[in-house]
Amino acid sequence: MALLTRLANMKTDLDIWLERLSNWQFVAVVVSVNVVAYALGLWALELTSKHVNLRTFATFAVLETALQTVLMAWKRWR
């Protein structure tokens, strides 16, 4: 139970921190988190498979990052 309380408190702290960011800082955080997540995903794919189609992966990553950034910004600013 203590772990759930700790996780809830961490989420609250993160929400407060995100709320205090300016609009451009918020967008930068969203883009950065997406880019790091895709880089880690690509690294994991490189380690576990023989061949990775980088063009498809990069195209999807760019499109998804742009879409997620727009959606997160719209959600914040509406």
C-alpha atoms as a PDB file:
ATOM      1  CA  MET A   1       0.000   0.000   0.000  1.00  0.00           C
ATOM      2  CA  ALA A   2       2.877   2.357   0.744  1.00  0.00           C
ATOM      3  CA  LEU A   3       4.159   1.914  -2.810  1.00  0.00           C
ATOM      4  CA  LEU A   4       0.814   2.997  -4.278  1.00  0.00           C
ATOM      5  CA  THR A   5       0.764   6.056  -2.046  1.00  0.00           C
ATOM      6  CA  ARG A   6       4.309   6.911  -3.051  1.00  0.00           C
ATOM      7  CA  LEU A   7       3.447   6.548  -6.764  1.00  0.00           C
ATOM      8  CA  ALA A   8       0.355   8.732  -6.335  1.00  0.00           C
ATOM      9  CA  ASN A   9       2.460  11.392  -4.619  1.00  0.00           C
ATOM     10  CA  MET A  10       5.047  11.248  -7.420  1.00  0.00           C
ATOM     11  CA  LYS A  11       2.293  11.707 -10.026  1.00  0.00           C
ATOM     12  CA  THR A  12       0.941  14.682  -8.102  1.00  0.00           C
ATOM     13  CA  ASP A  13       4.420  16.226  -7.926  1.00  0.00           C
ATOM     14  CA  LEU A  14       4.884  15.667 -11.660  1.00  0.00           C
ATOM     15  CA  ASP A  15       1.498  17.247 -12.423  1.00  0.00           C
ATOM     16  CA  ILE A  16       2.366  20.290 -10.317  1.00  0.00           C
ATOM     17  CA  TRP A  17       5.750  20.600 -12.028  1.00  0.00           C
ATOM     18  CA  LEU A  18       4.169  20.363 -15.493  1.00  0.00           C
ATOM     19  CA  GLU A  19       1.536  22.953 -14.567  1.00  0.00           C
ATOM     20  CA  ARG A  20       4.260  25.444 -13.627  1.00  0.00           C
ATOM     21  CA  LEU A  21       5.992  25.188 -17.013  1.00  0.00           C
ATOM     22  CA  SER A  22       5.449  27.842 -19.639  1.00  0.00           C
ATOM     23  CA  ASN A  23       3.819  26.774 -22.887  1.00  0.00           C
ATOM     24  CA  TRP A  24       7.060  26.424 -24.859  1.00  0.00           C
ATOM     25  CA  GLN A  25       8.700  24.523 -21.976  1.00  0.00           C
ATOM     26  CA  PHE A  26       5.746  22.136 -21.855  1.00  0.00           C
ATOM     27  CA  VAL A  27       6.024  21.439 -25.583  1.00  0.00           C
ATOM     28  CA  ALA A  28       9.785  20.925 -25.228  1.00  0.00           C
ATOM     29  CA  VAL A  29       9.237  18.397 -22.427  1.00  0.00           C
ATOM     30  CA  VAL A  30       6.631  16.469 -24.445  1.00  0.00           C
ATOM     31  CA  VAL A  31       8.896  16.311 -27.501  1.00  0.00           C
ATOM     32  CA  SER A  32      11.937  15.353 -25.422  1.00  0.00           C
ATOM     33  CA  VAL A  33      10.135  12.519 -23.646  1.00  0.00           C
ATOM     34  CA  ASN A  34       8.900  11.148 -26.989  1.00  0.00           C
ATOM     35  CA  VAL A  35      12.334  11.352 -28.619  1.00  0.00           C
ATOM     36  CA  VAL A  36      14.019   9.619 -25.670  1.00  0.00           C
ATOM     37  CA  ALA A  37      11.326   6.906 -25.610  1.00  0.00           C
ATOM     38  CA  TYR A  38      11.775   6.215 -29.322  1.00  0.00           C
ATOM     39  CA  ALA A  39      15.564   6.197 -28.990  1.00  0.00           C
ATOM     40  CA  LEU A  40      15.318   3.613 -26.199  1.00  0.00           C
ATOM     41  CA  GLY A  41      12.840   1.585 -28.236  1.00  0.00           C
ATOM     42  CA  LEU A  42      15.118   1.633 -31.264  1.00  0.00           C
ATOM     43  CA  TRP A  43      18.080   0.633 -29.128  1.00  0.00           C
ATOM     44  CA  ALA A  44      16.089  -2.306 -27.715  1.00  0.00           C
ATOM     45  CA  LEU A  45      15.086  -3.356 -31.236  1.00  0.00           C
ATOM     46  CA  GLU A  46      18.687  -3.155 -32.402  1.00  0.00           C
ATOM     47  CA  LEU A  47      19.760  -5.400 -29.545  1.00  0.00           C
ATOM     48  CA  THR A  48      17.043  -7.999 -30.041  1.00  0.00           C
ATOM     49  CA  SER A  49      16.645  -8.270 -33.808  1.00  0.00           C
ATOM     50  CA  LYS A  50      18.939  -8.795 -36.735  1.00  0.00           C
ATOM     51  CA  HIS A  51      17.434  -6.158 -39.000  1.00  0.00           C
ATOM     52  CA  VAL A  52      15.482  -3.016 -38.182  1.00  0.00           C
ATOM     53  CA  ASN A  53      13.896  -0.873 -40.889  1.00  0.00           C
ATOM     54  CA  LEU A  54      15.091   2.525 -39.693  1.00  0.00           C
ATOM     55  CA  ARG A  55      13.200   4.512 -42.317  1.00  0.00           C
ATOM     56  CA  THR A  56       9.814   3.123 -41.258  1.00  0.00           C
ATOM     57  CA  PHE A  57      10.668   3.485 -37.590  1.00  0.00           C
ATOM     58  CA  ALA A  58      11.902   7.068 -38.012  1.00  0.00           C
ATOM     59  CA  THR A  59       8.889   8.095 -40.102  1.00  0.00           C
ATOM     60  CA  PHE A  60       6.472   6.687 -37.557  1.00  0.00           C
ATOM     61  CA  ALA A  61       8.418   8.265 -34.687  1.00  0.00           C
ATOM     62  CA  VAL A  62       8.350  11.728 -36.270  1.00  0.00           C
ATOM     63  CA  LEU A  63       4.650  11.546 -37.119  1.00  0.00           C
ATOM     64  CA  GLU A  64       3.656  10.173 -33.725  1.00  0.00           C
ATOM     65  CA  THR A  65       5.787  12.727 -31.879  1.00  0.00           C
ATOM     66  CA  ALA A  66       4.216  15.577 -33.842  1.00  0.00           C
ATOM     67  CA  LEU A  67       0.690  14.241 -33.276  1.00  0.00           C
ATOM     68  CA  GLN A  68       1.237  13.598 -29.576  1.00  0.00           C
ATOM     69  CA  THR A  69       2.756  17.058 -29.104  1.00  0.00           C
ATOM     70  CA  VAL A  70      -0.204  18.724 -30.811  1.00  0.00           C
ATOM     71  CA  LEU A  71      -2.697  16.707 -28.764  1.00  0.00           C
ATOM     72  CA  MET A  72      -0.934  17.383 -25.461  1.00  0.00           C
ATOM     73  CA  ALA A  73      -0.641  21.103 -26.233  1.00  0.00           C
ATOM     74  CA  TRP A  74      -4.311  21.295 -27.248  1.00  0.00           C
ATOM     75  CA  LYS A  75      -5.352  19.459 -24.083  1.00  0.00           C
ATOM     76  CA  ARG A  76      -3.341  21.871 -21.961  1.00  0.00           C
ATOM     77  CA  TRP A  77      -4.452  25.086 -23.664  1.00  0.00           C
ATOM     78  CA  ARG A  78      -8.146  24.455 -24.218  1.00  0.00           C
END
